[in-house]
C-alpha atoms as a PDB file:
ATOM      1  CA  MET A   1     181.368 111.997  75.606  1.00  0.00           C
ATOM      2  CA  LEU A   2     179.685 114.957  75.867  1.00  0.00           C
ATOM      3  CA  ILE A   3     178.765 117.348  78.740  1.00  0.00           C
ATOM      4  CA  TYR A   4     175.873 119.828  79.799  1.00  0.00           C
ATOM      5  CA  GLU A   5     177.090 121.601  82.390  1.00  0.00           C
ATOM      6  CA  ALA A   6     174.008 122.945  83.847  1.00  0.00           C
ATOM      7  CA  HIS A   7     175.350 124.898  86.548  1.00  0.00           C
ATOM      8  CA  HIS A   8     176.500 127.522  84.470  1.00  0.00           C
ATOM      9  CA  PHE A   9     173.398 129.173  84.078  1.00  0.00           C
ATOM     10  CA  ASP A  10     173.096 132.981  85.290  1.00  0.00           C
ATOM     11  CA  TYR A  11     175.899 134.396  86.923  1.00  0.00           C
ATOM     12  CA  ILE A  12     179.756 135.085  86.281  1.00  0.00           C
ATOM     13  CA  SER A  13     182.584 132.079  86.817  1.00  0.00           C
ATOM     14  CA  ASN A  14     186.396 132.189  86.437  1.00  0.00           C
ATOM     15  CA  TYR A  15     189.051 129.503  86.230  1.00  0.00           C
ATOM     16  CA  HIS A  16     192.816 129.714  85.804  1.00  0.00           C
ATOM     17  CA  THR A  17     194.179 126.678  84.244  1.00  0.00           C
ATOM     18  CA  LEU A  18     197.156 124.492  84.357  1.00  0.00           C
ATOM     19  CA  ASP A  19     197.746 122.357  80.872  1.00  0.00           C
ATOM     20  CA  LEU A  20     194.067 122.234  80.248  1.00  0.00           C
ATOM     21  CA  ASN A  21     192.315 119.080  78.567  1.00  0.00           C
ATOM     22  CA  PHE A  22     188.404 118.966  79.010  1.00  0.00           C
ATOM     23  CA  PRO A  23     185.995 116.779  77.422  1.00  0.00           C
ATOM     24  CA  SER A  24     183.120 118.355  74.698  1.00  0.00           C
ATOM     25  CA  HIS A  25     181.009 119.610  76.608  1.00  0.00           C
ATOM     26  CA  LEU A  26     178.483 123.214  76.742  1.00  0.00           C
ATOM     27  CA  HIS A  27     176.422 125.102  79.099  1.00  0.00           C
ATOM     28  CA  ARG A  28     174.045 128.483  79.084  1.00  0.00           C
ATOM     29  CA  GLY A  29     176.762 131.082  79.178  1.00  0.00           C
ATOM     30  CA  PHE A  30     179.523 132.258  76.986  1.00  0.00           C
ATOM     31  CA  GLU A  31     182.807 130.853  77.983  1.00  0.00           C
ATOM     32  CA  LEU A  32     185.506 133.618  77.373  1.00  0.00           C
ATOM     33  CA  LEU A  33     189.625 132.387  77.482  1.00  0.00           C
ATOM     34  CA  PHE A  34     192.397 133.891  77.369  1.00  0.00           C
ATOM     35  CA  LEU A  35     196.167 132.178  77.099  1.00  0.00           C
ATOM     36  CA  VAL A  36     198.192 133.261  79.275  1.00  0.00           C
ATOM     37  CA  ASP A  37     201.277 131.113  78.602  1.00  0.00           C
ATOM     38  CA  GLY A  38     201.578 128.123  75.681  1.00  0.00           C
ATOM     39  CA  GLU A  39     199.485 127.400  73.270  1.00  0.00           C
ATOM     40  CA  MET A  40     195.597 125.343  73.184  1.00  0.00           C
ATOM     41  CA  GLU A  41     193.825 123.530  70.196  1.00  0.00           C
ATOM     42  CA  VAL A  42     189.667 124.281  71.102  1.00  0.00           C
ATOM     43  CA  ILE A  43     187.373 122.725  68.831  1.00  0.00           C
ATOM     44  CA  ILE A  44     184.247 124.390  68.900  1.00  0.00           C
ATOM     45  CA  SER A  45     181.127 122.427  66.889  1.00  0.00           C
ATOM     46  CA  GLN A  46     183.721 120.257  65.077  1.00  0.00           C
ATOM     47  CA  LYS A  47     185.463 123.135  63.953  1.00  0.00           C
ATOM     48  CA  SER A  48     189.393 122.773  65.303  1.00  0.00           C
ATOM     49  CA  TYR A  49     190.344 126.053  66.437  1.00  0.00           C
ATOM     50  CA  HIS A  50     194.633 126.655  67.214  1.00  0.00           C
ATOM     51  CA  VAL A  51     195.284 129.827  70.235  1.00  0.00           C
ATOM     52  CA  ASN A  52     198.866 131.146  71.251  1.00  0.00           C
ATOM     53  CA  THR A  53     199.879 133.362  74.051  1.00  0.00           C
ATOM     54  CA  GLY A  54     198.011 136.609  74.278  1.00  0.00           C
ATOM     55  CA  GLN A  55     195.018 135.285  72.177  1.00  0.00           C
ATOM     56  CA  PHE A  56     191.916 135.604  73.625  1.00  0.00           C
ATOM     57  CA  LEU A  57     189.350 132.920  72.153  1.00  0.00           C
ATOM     58  CA  LEU A  58     185.178 133.407  72.862  1.00  0.00           C
ATOM     59  CA  ILE A  59     182.573 130.389  73.078  1.00  0.00           C
ATOM     60  CA  LEU A  60     179.141 131.293  72.163  1.00  0.00           C
ATOM     61  CA  PRO A  61     176.320 129.750  74.229  1.00  0.00           C
ATOM     62  CA  TYR A  62     175.063 126.686  74.206  1.00  0.00           C
ATOM     63  CA  GLU A  63     178.043 125.470  71.723  1.00  0.00           C
ATOM     64  CA  ILE A  64     180.025 122.100  71.703  1.00  0.00           C
ATOM     65  CA  HIS A  65     183.016 122.161  72.273  1.00  0.00           C
ATOM     66  CA  SER A  66     186.465 121.168  73.875  1.00  0.00           C
ATOM     67  CA  PHE A  67     190.294 121.476  75.323  1.00  0.00           C
ATOM     68  CA  ILE A  68     193.200 119.832  73.616  1.00  0.00           C
ATOM     69  CA  THR A  69     196.589 120.627  75.519  1.00  0.00           C
ATOM     70  CA  LYS A  70     199.824 119.001  73.730  1.00  0.00           C
ATOM     71  CA  SER A  71     202.933 120.595  75.465  1.00  0.00           C
ATOM     72  CA  HIS A  72     201.695 123.506  77.768  1.00  0.00           C
ATOM     73  CA  SER A  73     199.116 126.118  78.901  1.00  0.00           C
ATOM     74  CA  GLN A  74     198.050 128.702  81.167  1.00  0.00           C
ATOM     75  CA  ALA A  75     194.844 129.877  80.762  1.00  0.00           C
ATOM     76  CA  LYS A  76     192.026 132.263  82.392  1.00  0.00           C
ATOM     77  CA  ILE A  77     188.217 131.510  81.643  1.00  0.00           C
ATOM     78  CA  CYS A  78     185.592 133.864  82.584  1.00  0.00           C
ATOM     79  CA  ILE A  79     181.824 131.985  81.555  1.00  0.00           C
ATOM     80  CA  PHE A  80     179.234 134.349  82.008  1.00  0.00           C
ATOM     81  CA  SER A  81     175.646 134.634  81.762  1.00  0.00           C
ATOM     82  CA  PRO A  82     173.981 136.393  78.314  1.00  0.00           C
ATOM     83  CA  ASP A  83     171.763 138.215  80.672  1.00  0.00           C
ATOM     84  CA  TYR A  84     175.242 140.279  81.122  1.00  0.00           C
ATOM     85  CA  VAL A  85     175.195 141.464  77.980  1.00  0.00           C
ATOM     86  CA  PRO A  86     171.850 141.276  75.926  1.00  0.00           C
ATOM     87  CA  THR A  87     172.813 143.762  73.612  1.00  0.00           C
ATOM     88  CA  PHE A  88     175.305 141.273  72.056  1.00  0.00           C
ATOM     89  CA  GLN A  89     173.324 138.623  73.054  1.00  0.00           C
ATOM     90  CA  LYS A  90     170.607 140.157  70.491  1.00  0.00           C
ATOM     91  CA  MET A  91     173.394 140.659  68.125  1.00  0.00           C
ATOM     92  CA  ILE A  92     174.198 137.002  67.088  1.00  0.00           C
ATOM     93  CA  GLU A  93     170.901 135.592  67.574  1.00  0.00           C
ATOM     94  CA  ASN A  94     171.063 132.309  65.108  1.00  0.00           C
ATOM     95  CA  SER A  95     174.720 132.955  64.407  1.00  0.00           C
ATOM     96  CA  SER A  96     177.752 131.768  64.843  1.00  0.00           C
ATOM     97  CA  LEU A  97     181.720 133.630  64.577  1.00  0.00           C
ATOM     98  CA  GLU A  98     183.349 133.559  61.224  1.00  0.00           C
ATOM     99  CA  HIS A  99     186.634 133.197  63.377  1.00  0.00           C
ATOM    100  CA  PRO A 100     186.384 133.423  67.366  1.00  0.00           C
ATOM    101  CA  VAL A 101     190.034 133.850  68.163  1.00  0.00           C
ATOM    102  CA  PHE A 102     191.089 137.694  68.328  1.00  0.00           C
ATOM    103  CA  THR A 103     193.248 139.826  70.048  1.00  0.00           C
ATOM    104  CA  LEU A 104     193.621 142.754  72.452  1.00  0.00           C
ATOM    105  CA  SER A 105     194.722 146.052  71.859  1.00  0.00           C
ATOM    106  CA  VAL A 106     197.445 147.241  74.280  1.00  0.00           C
ATOM    107  CA  GLU A 107     195.163 150.064  75.783  1.00  0.00           C
ATOM    108  CA  ALA A 108     192.634 147.444  76.224  1.00  0.00           C
ATOM    109  CA  ASN A 109     194.359 144.899  77.470  1.00  0.00           C
ATOM    110  CA  THR A 110     195.716 146.827  80.130  1.00  0.00           C
ATOM    111  CA  LEU A 111     192.169 147.534  81.804  1.00  0.00           C
ATOM    112  CA  ILE A 112     190.817 143.914  81.289  1.00  0.00           C
ATOM    113  CA  SER A 113     193.685 142.146  83.055  1.00  0.00           C
ATOM    114  CA  ARG A 114     192.741 144.425  85.871  1.00  0.00           C
ATOM    115  CA  LYS A 115     189.239 144.554  86.230  1.00  0.00           C
ATOM    116  CA  LEU A 116     188.226 141.305  84.899  1.00  0.00           C
ATOM    117  CA  PHE A 117     189.277 137.051  85.775  1.00  0.00           C
ATOM    118  CA  LYS A 118     188.870 137.912  89.071  1.00  0.00           C
ATOM    119  CA  ASP A 119     186.575 137.556  91.389  1.00  0.00           C
ATOM    120  CA  ASN A 120     184.782 139.928  93.730  1.00  0.00           C
ATOM    121  CA  SER A 121     185.113 142.099  91.476  1.00  0.00           C
ATOM    122  CA  ASN A 122     182.769 145.392  90.608  1.00  0.00           C
ATOM    123  CA  LEU A 123     179.658 143.782  88.572  1.00  0.00           C
ATOM    124  CA  LEU A 124     179.008 147.365  86.755  1.00  0.00           C
ATOM    125  CA  GLU A 125     182.987 147.467  86.217  1.00  0.00           C
ATOM    126  CA  GLN A 126     183.140 143.537  84.727  1.00  0.00           C
ATOM    127  CA  LYS A 127     180.509 144.413  82.319  1.00  0.00           C
ATOM    128  CA  ALA A 128     182.000 147.311  80.985  1.00  0.00           C
ATOM    129  CA  CYS A 129     185.212 145.034  80.425  1.00  0.00           C
ATOM    130  CA  LEU A 130     182.945 142.305  79.001  1.00  0.00           C
ATOM    131  CA  TYR A 131     181.603 145.060  76.193  1.00  0.00           C
ATOM    132  CA  LEU A 132     184.830 145.589  75.630  1.00  0.00           C
ATOM    133  CA  ILE A 133     186.182 143.014  74.940  1.00  0.00           C
ATOM    134  CA  LEU A 134     182.984 142.063  71.941  1.00  0.00           C
ATOM    135  CA  SER A 135     182.959 145.177  70.463  1.00  0.00           C
ATOM    136  CA  GLU A 136     187.032 144.431  70.264  1.00  0.00           C
ATOM    137  CA  LEU A 137     186.282 141.230  68.816  1.00  0.00           C
ATOM    138  CA  MET A 138     183.466 142.044  65.964  1.00  0.00           C
ATOM    139  CA  ASN A 139     185.657 144.473  64.811  1.00  0.00           C
ATOM    140  CA  GLN A 140     188.329 141.623  63.939  1.00  0.00           C
ATOM    141  CA  THR A 141     185.218 138.436  62.963  1.00  0.00           C
ATOM    142  CA  SER A 142     181.744 138.915  61.026  1.00  0.00           C
ATOM    143  CA  LEU A 143     178.554 136.550  61.965  1.00  0.00           C
ATOM    144  CA  MET A 144     177.670 133.864  60.183  1.00  0.00           C
ATOM    145  CA  LYS A 145     173.893 132.952  60.001  1.00  0.00           C
ATOM    146  CA  GLY A 146     172.496 129.882  60.890  1.00  0.00           C
ATOM    147  CA  GLU A 147     169.074 127.761  61.472  1.00  0.00           C
ATOM    148  CA  LYS A 148     166.508 129.192  63.573  1.00  0.00           C
ATOM    149  CA  GLN A 149     167.052 128.280  67.161  1.00  0.00           C
ATOM    150  CA  ASP A 150     165.506 127.138  70.732  1.00  0.00           C
ATOM    151  CA  PRO A 151     168.296 127.486  72.900  1.00  0.00           C
ATOM    152  CA  GLU A 152     166.138 127.361  75.812  1.00  0.00           C
ATOM    153  CA  LEU A 153     164.442 124.471  74.617  1.00  0.00           C
ATOM    154  CA  LEU A 154     167.428 123.318  74.418  1.00  0.00           C
ATOM    155  CA  HIS A 155     168.579 123.783  78.933  1.00  0.00           C
ATOM    156  CA  LYS A 156     165.135 122.753  79.682  1.00  0.00           C
ATOM    157  CA  LEU A 157     165.852 119.234  77.613  1.00  0.00           C
ATOM    158  CA  LEU A 158     169.194 118.942  78.743  1.00  0.00           C
ATOM    159  CA  THR A 159     168.510 120.117  82.542  1.00  0.00           C
ATOM    160  CA  TYR A 160     165.884 117.625  82.224  1.00  0.00           C
ATOM    161  CA  ILE A 161     168.267 114.553  81.276  1.00  0.00           C
ATOM    162  CA  HIS A 162     171.201 115.704  84.489  1.00  0.00           C
ATOM    163  CA  ASP A 163     168.372 115.946  86.959  1.00  0.00           C
ATOM    164  CA  HIS A 164     166.793 112.606  85.958  1.00  0.00           C
ATOM    165  CA  PHE A 165     169.598 110.161  84.350  1.00  0.00           C
ATOM    166  CA  THR A 166     169.320 108.379  87.382  1.00  0.00           C
ATOM    167  CA  GLU A 167     166.102 107.203  86.594  1.00  0.00           C
ATOM    168  CA  SER A 168     164.406 104.882  84.172  1.00  0.00           C
ATOM    169  CA  ILE A 169     163.508 107.924  81.065  1.00  0.00           C
ATOM    170  CA  SER A 170     163.161 107.776  77.939  1.00  0.00           C
ATOM    171  CA  LEU A 171     162.729 110.680  75.305  1.00  0.00           C
ATOM    172  CA  ARG A 172     159.599 109.912  74.576  1.00  0.00           C
ATOM    173  CA  SER A 173     158.272 110.157  78.643  1.00  0.00           C
ATOM    174  CA  ILE A 174     159.766 113.397  77.974  1.00  0.00           C
ATOM    175  CA  ALA A 175     158.245 114.677  75.677  1.00  0.00           C
ATOM    176  CA  GLY A 176     155.243 114.153  77.253  1.00  0.00           C
ATOM    177  CA  THR A 177     156.649 115.980  80.839  1.00  0.00           C
ATOM    178  CA  LEU A 178     158.054 118.729  78.636  1.00  0.00           C
ATOM    179  CA  GLY A 179     154.857 118.904  76.382  1.00  0.00           C
ATOM    180  CA  TYR A 180     156.401 118.275  72.931  1.00  0.00           C
ATOM    181  CA  SER A 181     155.800 115.640  70.437  1.00  0.00           C
ATOM    182  CA  TYR A 182     158.473 113.157  70.255  1.00  0.00           C
ATOM    183  CA  ASN A 183     159.074 113.192  66.370  1.00  0.00           C
ATOM    184  CA  TYR A 184     159.718 116.613  66.893  1.00  0.00           C
ATOM    185  CA  LEU A 185     161.995 116.662  70.402  1.00  0.00           C
ATOM    186  CA  SER A 186     163.460 113.051  68.594  1.00  0.00           C
ATOM    187  CA  LYS A 187     164.648 115.387  65.274  1.00  0.00           C
ATOM    188  CA  TYR A 188     165.648 118.939  67.407  1.00  0.00           C
ATOM    189  CA  PHE A 189     168.322 116.731  69.980  1.00  0.00           C
ATOM    190  CA  ASN A 190     169.841 115.198  67.025  1.00  0.00           C
ATOM    191  CA  THR A 191     170.105 118.348  65.116  1.00  0.00           C
ATOM    192  CA  HIS A 192     171.283 120.596  68.201  1.00  0.00           C
ATOM    193  CA  ILE A 193     174.001 118.067  70.575  1.00  0.00           C
ATOM    194  CA  SER A 194     174.441 115.366  67.380  1.00  0.00           C
ATOM    195  CA  MET A 195     174.096 112.019  68.616  1.00  0.00           C
ATOM    196  CA  SER A 196     170.902 109.876  69.788  1.00  0.00           C
ATOM    197  CA  PHE A 197     169.598 110.599  73.097  1.00  0.00           C
ATOM    198  CA  VAL A 198     170.290 107.035  74.000  1.00  0.00           C
ATOM    199  CA  ASP A 199     173.690 107.546  73.780  1.00  0.00           C
ATOM    200  CA  PHE A 200     173.979 110.999  75.460  1.00  0.00           C
ATOM    201  CA  LEU A 201     171.782 109.217  78.073  1.00  0.00           C
ATOM    202  CA  ASN A 202     174.702 106.848  78.601  1.00  0.00           C
ATOM    203  CA  GLU A 203     177.425 108.507  78.332  1.00  0.00           C
ATOM    204  CA  THR A 204     175.573 111.067  80.998  1.00  0.00           C
ATOM    205  CA  ARG A 205     175.317 107.540  83.622  1.00  0.00           C
ATOM    206  CA  VAL A 206     178.388 106.476  82.379  1.00  0.00           C
ATOM    207  CA  ASN A 207     180.222 109.731  83.416  1.00  0.00           C
ATOM    208  CA  TYR A 208     178.482 109.425  87.268  1.00  0.00           C
ATOM    209  CA  ALA A 209     180.074 105.762  87.740  1.00  0.00           C
ATOM    210  CA  CYS A 210     183.153 106.689  87.249  1.00  0.00           C
ATOM    211  CA  TYR A 211     182.763 109.799  89.277  1.00  0.00           C
ATOM    212  CA  LEU A 212     181.218 107.646  92.317  1.00  0.00           C
ATOM    213  CA  LEU A 213     184.319 104.772  91.109  1.00  0.00           C
ATOM    214  CA  THR A 214     187.081 107.377  91.877  1.00  0.00           C
ATOM    215  CA  HIS A 215     184.929 109.059  94.547  1.00  0.00           C
ATOM    216  CA  THR A 216     183.316 105.613  96.738  1.00  0.00           C
ATOM    217  CA  GLU A 217     183.879 102.560  97.396  1.00  0.00           C
ATOM    218  CA  LYS A 218     180.817 101.155  96.539  1.00  0.00           C
ATOM    219  CA  ASN A 219     180.383  97.999  94.674  1.00  0.00           C
ATOM    220  CA  MET A 220     179.926  97.468  90.996  1.00  0.00           C
ATOM    221  CA  THR A 221     176.403  96.605  91.521  1.00  0.00           C
ATOM    222  CA  GLU A 222     175.713  99.859  93.478  1.00  0.00           C
ATOM    223  CA  ILE A 223     177.461 101.988  91.284  1.00  0.00           C
ATOM    224  CA  ALA A 224     175.007 100.588  88.148  1.00  0.00           C
ATOM    225  CA  PHE A 225     171.873 101.496  89.702  1.00  0.00           C
ATOM    226  CA  LEU A 226     172.732 104.029  90.946  1.00  0.00           C
ATOM    227  CA  CYS A 227     173.963 105.845  87.574  1.00  0.00           C
ATOM    228  CA  GLY A 228     170.276 104.557  86.168  1.00  0.00           C
ATOM    229  CA  TYR A 229     171.156 100.909  84.867  1.00  0.00           C
ATOM    230  CA  GLU A 230     168.825  98.345  85.504  1.00  0.00           C
ATOM    231  CA  SER A 231     170.826  95.316  85.695  1.00  0.00           C
ATOM    232  CA  VAL A 232     175.462  95.478  85.768  1.00  0.00           C
ATOM    233  CA  ARG A 233     174.701  93.510  82.564  1.00  0.00           C
ATOM    234  CA  SER A 234     173.857  96.634  80.604  1.00  0.00           C
ATOM    235  CA  PHE A 235     175.620  99.122  83.096  1.00  0.00           C
ATOM    236  CA  ASN A 236     179.413  97.230  81.821  1.00  0.00           C
ATOM    237  CA  ARG A 237     178.147  96.875  78.289  1.00  0.00           C
ATOM    238  CA  ASN A 238     177.838 100.660  77.967  1.00  0.00           C
ATOM    239  CA  PHE A 239     180.867 100.952  80.480  1.00  0.00           C
ATOM    240  CA  VAL A 240     183.463  99.430  78.049  1.00  0.00           C
ATOM    241  CA  LYS A 241     181.713 100.620  75.087  1.00  0.00           C
ATOM    242  CA  ILE A 242     182.278 103.836  75.686  1.00  0.00           C
ATOM    243  CA  LYS A 243     185.189 104.222  77.967  1.00  0.00           C
ATOM    244  CA  LEU A 244     187.294 100.850  76.505  1.00  0.00           C
ATOM    245  CA  CYS A 245     187.447  99.194  80.091  1.00  0.00           C
ATOM    246  CA  THR A 246     186.120  97.551  82.142  1.00  0.00           C
ATOM    247  CA  PRO A 247     184.510  99.750  85.359  1.00  0.00           C
ATOM    248  CA  LYS A 248     187.586  97.801  87.716  1.00  0.00           C
ATOM    249  CA  LYS A 249     190.095  98.345  85.386  1.00  0.00           C
ATOM    250  CA  TYR A 250     188.887 101.983  85.809  1.00  0.00           C
ATOM    251  CA  ARG A 251     188.918 102.464  88.995  1.00  0.00           C
ATOM    252  CA  GLU A 252     191.921 100.865  88.927  1.00  0.00           C
ATOM    253  CA  LYS A 253     193.419 102.892  86.343  1.00  0.00           C
ATOM    254  CA  HIS A 254     191.972 105.927  87.526  1.00  0.00           C
ATOM    255  CA  PRO A 255     192.290 107.294  91.264  1.00  0.00           C
ATOM    256  CA  GLN A 256     191.292 111.035  89.538  1.00  0.00           C
ATOM    257  CA  SER A 257     190.408 112.012  86.534  1.00  0.00           C
ATOM    258  CA  PHE A 258     188.414 114.697  84.526  1.00  0.00           C
ATOM    259  CA  ILE A 259     185.343 114.225  86.116  1.00  0.00           C
ATOM    260  CA  ASP A 260     186.531 115.904  89.461  1.00  0.00           C
ATOM    261  CA  LEU A 261     185.429 119.420  87.580  1.00  0.00           C
ATOM    262  CA  TYR A 262     181.480 117.807  86.421  1.00  0.00           C
ATOM    263  CA  PRO A 263     179.563 118.864  89.609  1.00  0.00           C
ATOM    264  CA  PHE A 264     177.181 116.268  90.084  1.00  0.00           C
ATOM    265  CA  LYS A 265     174.041 117.093  92.274  1.00  0.00           C
ATOM    266  CA  LYS A 266     173.630 113.353  93.069  1.00  0.00           C
ATOM    267  CA  GLU A 267     173.151 112.305  96.725  1.00  0.00           C
ATOM    268  CA  ILE A 268     176.047 110.142  97.386  1.00  0.00           C
ATOM    269  CA  ASN A 269     176.183 108.280 100.820  1.00  0.00           C
ATOM    270  CA  HIS A 270     179.794 106.961 101.307  1.00  0.00           C
END
C-alpha cells in the first residue's frame, strides 16, 4: 500500500500524534519527527530505523516511508516545503542520509521546543530553527549519492494520478498528456515507486473505497464506479487482493480507519 500526499507541497504543517501507525506514503516536503515519549520504528526506502524518546528523525522529499508503534509513542511532526531551506535542498540533491536519526544539543533543543512544532509561529524564526536542526543533523551523519532524479516529474505524475484515479486512465494516456514517452515513464515509475503503475492505481482506488465505506452509506455498486472501476467484479477482486477481505467485511470491521488522515479531493454526495 502506498499513498501520495499531494497536499504537502508548499507550506509548513505541524502534527501531534499518539501511538502513530501509518502505511507507506510519500510527499514533496521534508518530514521532521521528534519523539516526545516511547519508541517507534520508521521505515524509509525499505530501511528500518528505531527512534527512542528524545531523538529526532528527518525524512527527505519523496522518500517512501511508514510509521510503526508497537507499544506506545508520543511524537511531534513538522512537514515543511523544500522552498523553506533551499541551501540544504541543493546540498542533498540526488542523495540520501546515511543515518536520519539524530539528537540536538541542549541549547538547540531549548530553542526548538519554543519555536517549532507550533502553528502561527513567526515564519523567520521557524526557518532559522529548521536550518539549526539541519546543521546539527549533518554533524552526525553523511550523504550517500544516488541516481540522478527528476522530483518534479514524480510530483506531476503522482498528482495527475491523484486527481484522475476515478477516471479511465492508463500510464500510456498519462505519458501522452505529460509529454513523455511511455517506455521512459514506465521505467521511471517502477524505479521511483517500486511497484507497477497498475498496482499503484488499484491501491489508490481501494484506499478511496475504504474512505467511502467508512464515511458514507453508499452501496458497493456506487462505490465501485466512484472509485474508477468499470465493474463490481473488478472492484471486488482488487479490493480482496489488497485488503484480504471483501468490501462488506471491511465496512463491518472498520467503522473508522487510518484513511481518515488521507485528504481525498473528490466530491462525495451523501
